[in-house]
Amino acid sequence: MGDPRLEPPVPTPSAYILCTSPRSGSTLLCALLRDSGVAGHPKSYFHQPDLDKWRAGLGLAPDTPRPDIFAEAIAQGRGDTDIFGLRLQRHSAPFFFDQVRDAHPDATTDKAAVETQFGPTRYIHLHRKDKVAQAVSLVRASQSGLWHRNADGSELERTAPPQTPQYDHPAIAQELETVTNYDTAWEDWFKAQGIAPLRLDYDTLSADPSGTLEQILKDLNLPQGAPVQPAVAKLSDDISADWITRFKSETNA
């Protein structure tokens, strides 16, 4: 084995993609990375499978060509840093990769097309081991309309008026199948592309956000930056815990 002191330094990537699925803690993680001041401003810049919605989300004119869409996303996703951060939900991925491949037809793989567009790119896979808990969280958010709270308890993202939560076994089962398929699709994609992502779990992130941020910045070869406090509060409560227990008992999950 060679002397590690003689090995070349690991280069800092010019981009990273946070590969995830809903209710896995990505909003918390994106805020931590943003607030570190060294890791760009990761958001879902390519969330909807529609170029017009990409343009609208980036504040661009309706006739903005695709190269300029990518350029604006990179500018916003870097913030005041040198690295571009992107959150990519699994349901957003197929259209995104199709567009990048179409923009770079000489690239033979999704990975090659991404690196042609964004430069050397690191992949982070944030997932949630307890899929029943993830499914329950999705159902609760859909029912209540409340998707995220700020750290002080105020509402960060609401999509519908408040309503009383109702346990719904079929809805949880459907979401369980969906989130399980999302993880399988990511794993299949990583394997097909020859990618070894940095793997992170929701529970570890939730228990130790500062340590998780430190791990990511080290993996990206970035300085640690200033101490960061979580900007997002957990939404899970006793109702969620009861639903998780009930669903698992009903299905032997």
C-alpha atoms as a PDB file:
ATOM      1  CA  MET A   1       0.000   0.000   0.000  1.00  0.00           C
ATOM      2  CA  GLY A   2       1.371   3.405  -0.954  1.00  0.00           C
ATOM      3  CA  ASP A   3       2.194   6.218   1.385  1.00  0.00           C
ATOM      4  CA  PRO A   4      -1.031   8.296   1.718  1.00  0.00           C
ATOM      5  CA  ARG A   5       1.128  11.411   1.955  1.00  0.00           C
ATOM      6  CA  LEU A   6       2.188  10.833  -1.651  1.00  0.00           C
ATOM      7  CA  GLU A   7      -1.301  10.287  -3.025  1.00  0.00           C
ATOM      8  CA  PRO A   8      -2.781  13.171  -5.046  1.00  0.00           C
ATOM      9  CA  PRO A   9      -5.361  15.273  -3.181  1.00  0.00           C
ATOM     10  CA  VAL A  10      -9.021  14.506  -3.813  1.00  0.00           C
ATOM     11  CA  PRO A  11     -10.310  17.229  -6.144  1.00  0.00           C
ATOM     12  CA  THR A  12     -13.232  19.369  -5.103  1.00  0.00           C
ATOM     13  CA  PRO A  13     -16.177  18.654  -7.417  1.00  0.00           C
ATOM     14  CA  SER A  14     -17.859  21.528  -9.223  1.00  0.00           C
ATOM     15  CA  ALA A  15     -21.315  20.101  -8.468  1.00  0.00           C
ATOM     16  CA  TYR A  16     -23.186  17.648  -6.284  1.00  0.00           C
ATOM     17  CA  ILE A  17     -26.608  16.076  -6.650  1.00  0.00           C
ATOM     18  CA  LEU A  18     -28.649  15.138  -3.616  1.00  0.00           C
ATOM     19  CA  CYS A  19     -30.541  12.054  -4.821  1.00  0.00           C
ATOM     20  CA  THR A  20     -33.581  11.483  -2.656  1.00  0.00           C
ATOM     21  CA  SER A  21     -37.346  11.017  -2.353  1.00  0.00           C
ATOM     22  CA  PRO A  22     -40.050  12.943  -0.444  1.00  0.00           C
ATOM     23  CA  ARG A  23     -40.048  12.938   3.365  1.00  0.00           C
ATOM     24  CA  SER A  24     -36.432  11.813   3.671  1.00  0.00           C
ATOM     25  CA  GLY A  25     -35.117  14.975   5.323  1.00  0.00           C
ATOM     26  CA  SER A  26     -33.880  16.726   2.201  1.00  0.00           C
ATOM     27  CA  THR A  27     -35.370  20.119   3.133  1.00  0.00           C
ATOM     28  CA  LEU A  28     -33.431  20.070   6.405  1.00  0.00           C
ATOM     29  CA  LEU A  29     -30.262  18.949   4.645  1.00  0.00           C
ATOM     30  CA  CYS A  30     -30.523  21.541   1.876  1.00  0.00           C
ATOM     31  CA  ALA A  31     -30.890  24.280   4.495  1.00  0.00           C
ATOM     32  CA  LEU A  32     -27.834  23.009   6.375  1.00  0.00           C
ATOM     33  CA  LEU A  33     -25.749  22.967   3.202  1.00  0.00           C
ATOM     34  CA  ARG A  34     -26.962  26.436   2.217  1.00  0.00           C
ATOM     35  CA  ASP A  35     -26.314  27.905   5.648  1.00  0.00           C
ATOM     36  CA  SER A  36     -22.802  26.452   5.772  1.00  0.00           C
ATOM     37  CA  GLY A  37     -21.823  29.212   3.357  1.00  0.00           C
ATOM     38  CA  VAL A  38     -19.507  26.918   1.396  1.00  0.00           C
ATOM     39  CA  ALA A  39     -21.770  24.376  -0.350  1.00  0.00           C
ATOM     40  CA  GLY A  40     -23.918  26.371  -2.724  1.00  0.00           C
ATOM     41  CA  HIS A  41     -27.681  26.782  -2.521  1.00  0.00           C
ATOM     42  CA  PRO A  42     -29.174  23.349  -3.256  1.00  0.00           C
ATOM     43  CA  LYS A  43     -32.817  23.324  -4.353  1.00  0.00           C
ATOM     44  CA  SER A  44     -35.068  21.357  -6.696  1.00  0.00           C
ATOM     45  CA  TYR A  45     -34.288  23.524  -9.719  1.00  0.00           C
ATOM     46  CA  PHE A  46     -35.548  20.823 -12.109  1.00  0.00           C
ATOM     47  CA  HIS A  47     -38.472  19.526 -10.073  1.00  0.00           C
ATOM     48  CA  GLN A  48     -41.301  19.376 -12.617  1.00  0.00           C
ATOM     49  CA  PRO A  49     -41.046  17.381 -15.892  1.00  0.00           C
ATOM     50  CA  ASP A  50     -41.676  20.520 -17.913  1.00  0.00           C
ATOM     51  CA  LEU A  51     -39.210  23.064 -19.345  1.00  0.00           C
ATOM     52  CA  ASP A  52     -41.720  25.896 -18.942  1.00  0.00           C
ATOM     53  CA  LYS A  53     -41.972  25.134 -15.224  1.00  0.00           C
ATOM     54  CA  TRP A  54     -38.187  25.045 -14.994  1.00  0.00           C
ATOM     55  CA  ARG A  55     -38.107  28.508 -16.559  1.00  0.00           C
ATOM     56  CA  ALA A  56     -40.819  29.854 -14.269  1.00  0.00           C
ATOM     57  CA  GLY A  57     -39.125  28.476 -11.165  1.00  0.00           C
ATOM     58  CA  LEU A  58     -35.870  30.146 -12.133  1.00  0.00           C
ATOM     59  CA  GLY A  59     -37.551  33.461 -12.994  1.00  0.00           C
ATOM     60  CA  LEU A  60     -36.741  33.184 -16.700  1.00  0.00           C
ATOM     61  CA  ALA A  61     -38.676  34.332 -19.760  1.00  0.00           C
ATOM     62  CA  PRO A  62     -40.942  31.721 -21.438  1.00  0.00           C
ATOM     63  CA  ASP A  63     -38.726  31.541 -24.534  1.00  0.00           C
ATOM     64  CA  THR A  64     -35.427  31.048 -22.688  1.00  0.00           C
ATOM     65  CA  PRO A  65     -33.442  28.294 -24.471  1.00  0.00           C
ATOM     66  CA  ARG A  66     -32.356  25.188 -22.585  1.00  0.00           C
ATOM     67  CA  PRO A  67     -28.631  26.108 -22.341  1.00  0.00           C
ATOM     68  CA  ASP A  68     -29.592  29.325 -20.597  1.00  0.00           C
ATOM     69  CA  ILE A  69     -31.938  27.434 -18.264  1.00  0.00           C
ATOM     70  CA  PHE A  70     -29.037  25.262 -17.141  1.00  0.00           C
ATOM     71  CA  ALA A  71     -26.758  28.299 -16.829  1.00  0.00           C
ATOM     72  CA  GLU A  72     -29.242  30.143 -14.609  1.00  0.00           C
ATOM     73  CA  ALA A  73     -29.811  27.081 -12.431  1.00  0.00           C
ATOM     74  CA  ILE A  74     -26.051  26.731 -11.964  1.00  0.00           C
ATOM     75  CA  ALA A  75     -25.750  30.404 -11.022  1.00  0.00           C
ATOM     76  CA  GLN A  76     -28.561  30.164  -8.467  1.00  0.00           C
ATOM     77  CA  GLY A  77     -27.428  26.772  -7.185  1.00  0.00           C
ATOM     78  CA  ARG A  78     -23.911  28.026  -6.511  1.00  0.00           C
ATOM     79  CA  GLY A  79     -25.022  31.026  -4.499  1.00  0.00           C
ATOM     80  CA  ASP A  80     -21.860  32.846  -3.474  1.00  0.00           C
ATOM     81  CA  THR A  81     -19.729  29.680  -3.613  1.00  0.00           C
ATOM     82  CA  ASP A  82     -17.863  27.715  -6.259  1.00  0.00           C
ATOM     83  CA  ILE A  83     -19.996  24.556  -6.147  1.00  0.00           C
ATOM     84  CA  PHE A  84     -23.435  23.885  -7.625  1.00  0.00           C
ATOM     85  CA  GLY A  85     -25.918  22.061  -5.403  1.00  0.00           C
ATOM     86  CA  LEU A  86     -28.998  20.285  -6.731  1.00  0.00           C
ATOM     87  CA  ARG A  87     -31.740  18.347  -4.963  1.00  0.00           C
ATOM     88  CA  LEU A  88     -33.181  15.736  -7.303  1.00  0.00           C
ATOM     89  CA  GLN A  89     -36.271  13.837  -6.200  1.00  0.00           C
ATOM     90  CA  ARG A  90     -36.588  10.413  -7.793  1.00  0.00           C
ATOM     91  CA  HIS A  91     -39.824  11.255  -9.614  1.00  0.00           C
ATOM     92  CA  SER A  92     -38.038  14.258 -11.174  1.00  0.00           C
ATOM     93  CA  ALA A  93     -35.007  12.278 -12.327  1.00  0.00           C
ATOM     94  CA  PRO A  94     -36.094  10.649 -15.617  1.00  0.00           C
ATOM     95  CA  PHE A  95     -37.074  13.918 -17.317  1.00  0.00           C
ATOM     96  CA  PHE A  96     -33.990  15.689 -15.958  1.00  0.00           C
ATOM     97  CA  PHE A  97     -31.608  13.036 -17.270  1.00  0.00           C
ATOM     98  CA  ASP A  98     -33.448  12.958 -20.617  1.00  0.00           C
ATOM     99  CA  GLN A  99     -32.928  16.699 -20.989  1.00  0.00           C
ATOM    100  CA  VAL A 100     -29.242  16.567 -20.067  1.00  0.00           C
ATOM    101  CA  ARG A 101     -28.645  13.642 -22.418  1.00  0.00           C
ATOM    102  CA  ASP A 102     -30.500  15.451 -25.208  1.00  0.00           C
ATOM    103  CA  ALA A 103     -28.349  18.539 -24.632  1.00  0.00           C
ATOM    104  CA  HIS A 104     -25.173  16.439 -24.905  1.00  0.00           C
ATOM    105  CA  PRO A 105     -25.827  13.698 -27.494  1.00  0.00           C
ATOM    106  CA  ASP A 106     -22.183  12.604 -27.579  1.00  0.00           C
ATOM    107  CA  ALA A 107     -22.382  11.500 -23.931  1.00  0.00           C
ATOM    108  CA  THR A 108     -22.891   7.752 -23.678  1.00  0.00           C
ATOM    109  CA  THR A 109     -24.358   7.674 -20.152  1.00  0.00           C
ATOM    110  CA  ASP A 110     -26.416   9.888 -17.842  1.00  0.00           C
ATOM    111  CA  LYS A 111     -23.326  10.342 -15.677  1.00  0.00           C
ATOM    112  CA  ALA A 112     -21.227  11.489 -18.624  1.00  0.00           C
ATOM    113  CA  ALA A 113     -23.923  13.923 -19.758  1.00  0.00           C
ATOM    114  CA  VAL A 114     -24.222  15.381 -16.248  1.00  0.00           C
ATOM    115  CA  GLU A 115     -20.459  15.910 -16.016  1.00  0.00           C
ATOM    116  CA  THR A 116     -20.403  17.503 -19.469  1.00  0.00           C
ATOM    117  CA  GLN A 117     -23.052  19.946 -18.311  1.00  0.00           C
ATOM    118  CA  PHE A 118     -22.079  20.572 -14.689  1.00  0.00           C
ATOM    119  CA  GLY A 119     -18.461  19.433 -14.426  1.00  0.00           C
ATOM    120  CA  PRO A 120     -17.147  16.799 -11.966  1.00  0.00           C
ATOM    121  CA  THR A 121     -20.184  15.817  -9.910  1.00  0.00           C
ATOM    122  CA  ARG A 122     -20.535  14.016  -6.576  1.00  0.00           C
ATOM    123  CA  TYR A 123     -23.694  12.092  -5.688  1.00  0.00           C
ATOM    124  CA  ILE A 124     -25.315  11.933  -2.264  1.00  0.00           C
ATOM    125  CA  HIS A 125     -28.099   9.412  -1.616  1.00  0.00           C
ATOM    126  CA  LEU A 126     -30.354  10.518   1.231  1.00  0.00           C
ATOM    127  CA  HIS A 127     -32.937   7.870   2.045  1.00  0.00           C
ATOM    128  CA  ARG A 128     -35.131   6.743   4.908  1.00  0.00           C
ATOM    129  CA  LYS A 129     -34.710   3.194   6.171  1.00  0.00           C
ATOM    130  CA  ASP A 130     -38.114   3.063   7.851  1.00  0.00           C
ATOM    131  CA  LYS A 131     -40.299   3.133   4.762  1.00  0.00           C
ATOM    132  CA  VAL A 132     -43.520   2.861   6.774  1.00  0.00           C
ATOM    133  CA  ALA A 133     -42.555   6.025   8.663  1.00  0.00           C
ATOM    134  CA  GLN A 134     -41.804   7.727   5.353  1.00  0.00           C
ATOM    135  CA  ALA A 135     -45.175   6.662   3.929  1.00  0.00           C
ATOM    136  CA  VAL A 136     -47.009   7.862   7.040  1.00  0.00           C
ATOM    137  CA  SER A 137     -45.221  11.194   6.804  1.00  0.00           C
ATOM    138  CA  LEU A 138     -46.366  11.562   3.197  1.00  0.00           C
ATOM    139  CA  VAL A 139     -49.981  10.782   4.060  1.00  0.00           C
ATOM    140  CA  ARG A 140     -49.947  13.181   7.032  1.00  0.00           C
ATOM    141  CA  ALA A 141     -48.487  15.977   4.892  1.00  0.00           C
ATOM    142  CA  SER A 142     -50.982  15.366   2.093  1.00  0.00           C
ATOM    143  CA  GLN A 143     -53.917  15.354   4.506  1.00  0.00           C
ATOM    144  CA  SER A 144     -52.857  18.361   6.546  1.00  0.00           C
ATOM    145  CA  GLY A 145     -51.373  20.422   3.739  1.00  0.00           C
ATOM    146  CA  LEU A 146     -48.426  21.225   6.014  1.00  0.00           C
ATOM    147  CA  TRP A 147     -45.154  19.954   4.591  1.00  0.00           C
ATOM    148  CA  HIS A 148     -42.517  21.802   6.628  1.00  0.00           C
ATOM    149  CA  ARG A 149     -42.092  23.959   9.728  1.00  0.00           C
ATOM    150  CA  ASN A 150     -39.321  26.384  10.539  1.00  0.00           C
ATOM    151  CA  ALA A 151     -37.151  25.667  13.553  1.00  0.00           C
ATOM    152  CA  ASP A 152     -39.195  28.149  15.617  1.00  0.00           C
ATOM    153  CA  GLY A 153     -42.396  26.213  14.912  1.00  0.00           C
ATOM    154  CA  SER A 154     -43.851  28.603  12.352  1.00  0.00           C
ATOM    155  CA  GLU A 155     -45.084  27.208   9.055  1.00  0.00           C
ATOM    156  CA  LEU A 156     -42.584  27.019   6.226  1.00  0.00           C
ATOM    157  CA  GLU A 157     -44.589  25.266   3.515  1.00  0.00           C
ATOM    158  CA  ARG A 158     -48.344  24.695   3.388  1.00  0.00           C
ATOM    159  CA  THR A 159     -50.287  23.558   0.310  1.00  0.00           C
ATOM    160  CA  ALA A 160     -53.822  23.232   1.723  1.00  0.00           C
ATOM    161  CA  PRO A 161     -55.969  24.440   4.671  1.00  0.00           C
ATOM    162  CA  PRO A 162     -55.578  22.514   7.949  1.00  0.00           C
ATOM    163  CA  GLN A 163     -57.764  19.467   8.546  1.00  0.00           C
ATOM    164  CA  THR A 164     -58.011  16.739  11.151  1.00  0.00           C
ATOM    165  CA  PRO A 165     -55.766  13.755  10.292  1.00  0.00           C
ATOM    166  CA  GLN A 166     -57.514  10.455   9.610  1.00  0.00           C
ATOM    167  CA  TYR A 167     -55.747   7.096   9.627  1.00  0.00           C
ATOM    168  CA  ASP A 168     -55.923   5.664   6.099  1.00  0.00           C
ATOM    169  CA  HIS A 169     -54.411   2.215   5.670  1.00  0.00           C
ATOM    170  CA  PRO A 170     -54.819   2.044   1.850  1.00  0.00           C
ATOM    171  CA  ALA A 171     -53.215   5.463   1.398  1.00  0.00           C
ATOM    172  CA  ILE A 172     -50.249   4.507   3.579  1.00  0.00           C
ATOM    173  CA  ALA A 173     -49.881   1.217   1.695  1.00  0.00           C
ATOM    174  CA  GLN A 174     -49.880   3.039  -1.624  1.00  0.00           C
ATOM    175  CA  GLU A 175     -47.243   5.533  -0.468  1.00  0.00           C
ATOM    176  CA  LEU A 176     -45.186   2.687   0.991  1.00  0.00           C
ATOM    177  CA  GLU A 177     -45.058   1.027  -2.410  1.00  0.00           C
ATOM    178  CA  THR A 178     -44.168   4.340  -4.050  1.00  0.00           C
ATOM    179  CA  VAL A 179     -41.263   5.241  -1.755  1.00  0.00           C
ATOM    180  CA  THR A 180     -39.924   1.682  -1.873  1.00  0.00           C
ATOM    181  CA  ASN A 181     -39.931   1.860  -5.666  1.00  0.00           C
ATOM    182  CA  TYR A 182     -38.138   5.210  -5.536  1.00  0.00           C
ATOM    183  CA  ASP A 183     -35.266   3.717  -3.552  1.00  0.00           C
ATOM    184  CA  THR A 184     -35.072   0.714  -5.865  1.00  0.00           C
ATOM    185  CA  ALA A 185     -34.962   3.017  -8.885  1.00  0.00           C
ATOM    186  CA  TRP A 186     -32.116   5.049  -7.390  1.00  0.00           C
ATOM    187  CA  GLU A 187     -30.129   1.910  -6.573  1.00  0.00           C
ATOM    188  CA  ASP A 188     -30.658   0.555 -10.093  1.00  0.00           C
ATOM    189  CA  TRP A 189     -29.539   3.860 -11.555  1.00  0.00           C
ATOM    190  CA  PHE A 190     -26.398   4.072  -9.409  1.00  0.00           C
ATOM    191  CA  LYS A 191     -25.465   0.543 -10.460  1.00  0.00           C
ATOM    192  CA  ALA A 192     -26.111   1.199 -14.161  1.00  0.00           C
ATOM    193  CA  GLN A 193     -24.040   4.398 -14.055  1.00  0.00           C
ATOM    194  CA  GLY A 194     -21.183   2.951 -12.005  1.00  0.00           C
ATOM    195  CA  ILE A 195     -21.728   5.493  -9.229  1.00  0.00           C
ATOM    196  CA  ALA A 196     -20.817   4.954  -5.574  1.00  0.00           C
ATOM    197  CA  PRO A 197     -22.778   7.707  -3.791  1.00  0.00           C
ATOM    198  CA  LEU A 198     -22.243   9.013  -0.308  1.00  0.00           C
ATOM    199  CA  ARG A 199     -25.079   7.294   1.568  1.00  0.00           C
ATOM    200  CA  LEU A 200     -26.994   9.093   4.302  1.00  0.00           C
ATOM    201  CA  ASP A 201     -30.004   8.070   6.365  1.00  0.00           C
ATOM    202  CA  TYR A 202     -32.850  10.237   7.642  1.00  0.00           C
ATOM    203  CA  ASP A 203     -32.537   9.019  11.232  1.00  0.00           C
ATOM    204  CA  THR A 204     -28.815   9.816  11.390  1.00  0.00           C
ATOM    205  CA  LEU A 205     -29.408  13.250   9.856  1.00  0.00           C
ATOM    206  CA  SER A 206     -32.226  13.954  12.299  1.00  0.00           C
ATOM    207  CA  ALA A 207     -30.206  12.827  15.328  1.00  0.00           C
ATOM    208  CA  ASP A 208     -26.951  14.539  14.347  1.00  0.00           C
ATOM    209  CA  PRO A 209     -27.446  17.259  11.714  1.00  0.00           C
ATOM    210  CA  SER A 210     -24.103  18.932  12.447  1.00  0.00           C
ATOM    211  CA  GLY A 211     -22.203  15.663  12.169  1.00  0.00           C
ATOM    212  CA  THR A 212     -23.979  14.810   8.922  1.00  0.00           C
ATOM    213  CA  LEU A 213     -23.125  18.205   7.465  1.00  0.00           C
ATOM    214  CA  GLU A 214     -19.495  17.750   8.502  1.00  0.00           C
ATOM    215  CA  GLN A 215     -19.429  14.359   6.771  1.00  0.00           C
ATOM    216  CA  ILE A 216     -20.801  15.805   3.522  1.00  0.00           C
ATOM    217  CA  LEU A 217     -18.446  18.774   3.447  1.00  0.00           C
ATOM    218  CA  LYS A 218     -15.506  16.446   4.027  1.00  0.00           C
ATOM    219  CA  ASP A 219     -16.697  14.192   1.200  1.00  0.00           C
ATOM    220  CA  LEU A 220     -16.965  17.222  -1.099  1.00  0.00           C
ATOM    221  CA  ASN A 221     -13.495  18.411  -0.026  1.00  0.00           C
ATOM    222  CA  LEU A 222     -14.977  21.662   1.248  1.00  0.00           C
ATOM    223  CA  PRO A 223     -14.024  23.636   4.367  1.00  0.00           C
ATOM    224  CA  GLN A 224     -16.281  23.180   7.370  1.00  0.00           C
ATOM    225  CA  GLY A 225     -17.493  26.784   7.458  1.00  0.00           C
ATOM    226  CA  ALA A 226     -19.341  28.361  10.357  1.00  0.00           C
ATOM    227  CA  PRO A 227     -21.443  26.331  12.842  1.00  0.00           C
ATOM    228  CA  VAL A 228     -24.981  25.815  11.539  1.00  0.00           C
ATOM    229  CA  GLN A 229     -28.240  25.327  13.423  1.00  0.00           C
ATOM    230  CA  PRO A 230     -31.084  23.321  11.823  1.00  0.00           C
ATOM    231  CA  ALA A 231     -33.568  25.650  10.135  1.00  0.00           C
ATOM    232  CA  VAL A 232     -36.357  23.074   9.852  1.00  0.00           C
ATOM    233  CA  ALA A 233     -38.314  21.328  12.637  1.00  0.00           C
ATOM    234  CA  LYS A 234     -39.521  17.726  12.639  1.00  0.00           C
ATOM    235  CA  LEU A 235     -43.237  17.234  12.007  1.00  0.00           C
ATOM    236  CA  SER A 236     -43.578  13.709  13.391  1.00  0.00           C
ATOM    237  CA  ASP A 237     -45.617  13.457  16.589  1.00  0.00           C
ATOM    238  CA  ASP A 238     -47.582  10.973  18.676  1.00  0.00           C
ATOM    239  CA  ILE A 239     -50.190  10.634  15.917  1.00  0.00           C
ATOM    240  CA  SER A 240     -47.506   9.650  13.430  1.00  0.00           C
ATOM    241  CA  ALA A 241     -46.025   7.169  15.889  1.00  0.00           C
ATOM    242  CA  ASP A 242     -49.454   5.602  16.509  1.00  0.00           C
ATOM    243  CA  TRP A 243     -50.111   5.286  12.773  1.00  0.00           C
ATOM    244  CA  ILE A 244     -46.729   3.668  12.186  1.00  0.00           C
ATOM    245  CA  THR A 245     -47.313   1.135  14.966  1.00  0.00           C
ATOM    246  CA  ARG A 246     -50.855   0.427  13.800  1.00  0.00           C
ATOM    247  CA  PHE A 247     -49.878  -0.062  10.163  1.00  0.00           C
ATOM    248  CA  LYS A 248     -46.980  -2.345  11.037  1.00  0.00           C
ATOM    249  CA  SER A 249     -49.197  -4.454  13.299  1.00  0.00           C
ATOM    250  CA  GLU A 250     -51.836  -4.761  10.579  1.00  0.00           C
ATOM    251  CA  THR A 251     -49.339  -5.801   7.917  1.00  0.00           C
ATOM    252  CA  ASN A 252     -46.605  -7.510   9.995  1.00  0.00           C
ATOM    253  CA  ALA A 253     -44.201  -4.998   8.438  1.00  0.00           C
END
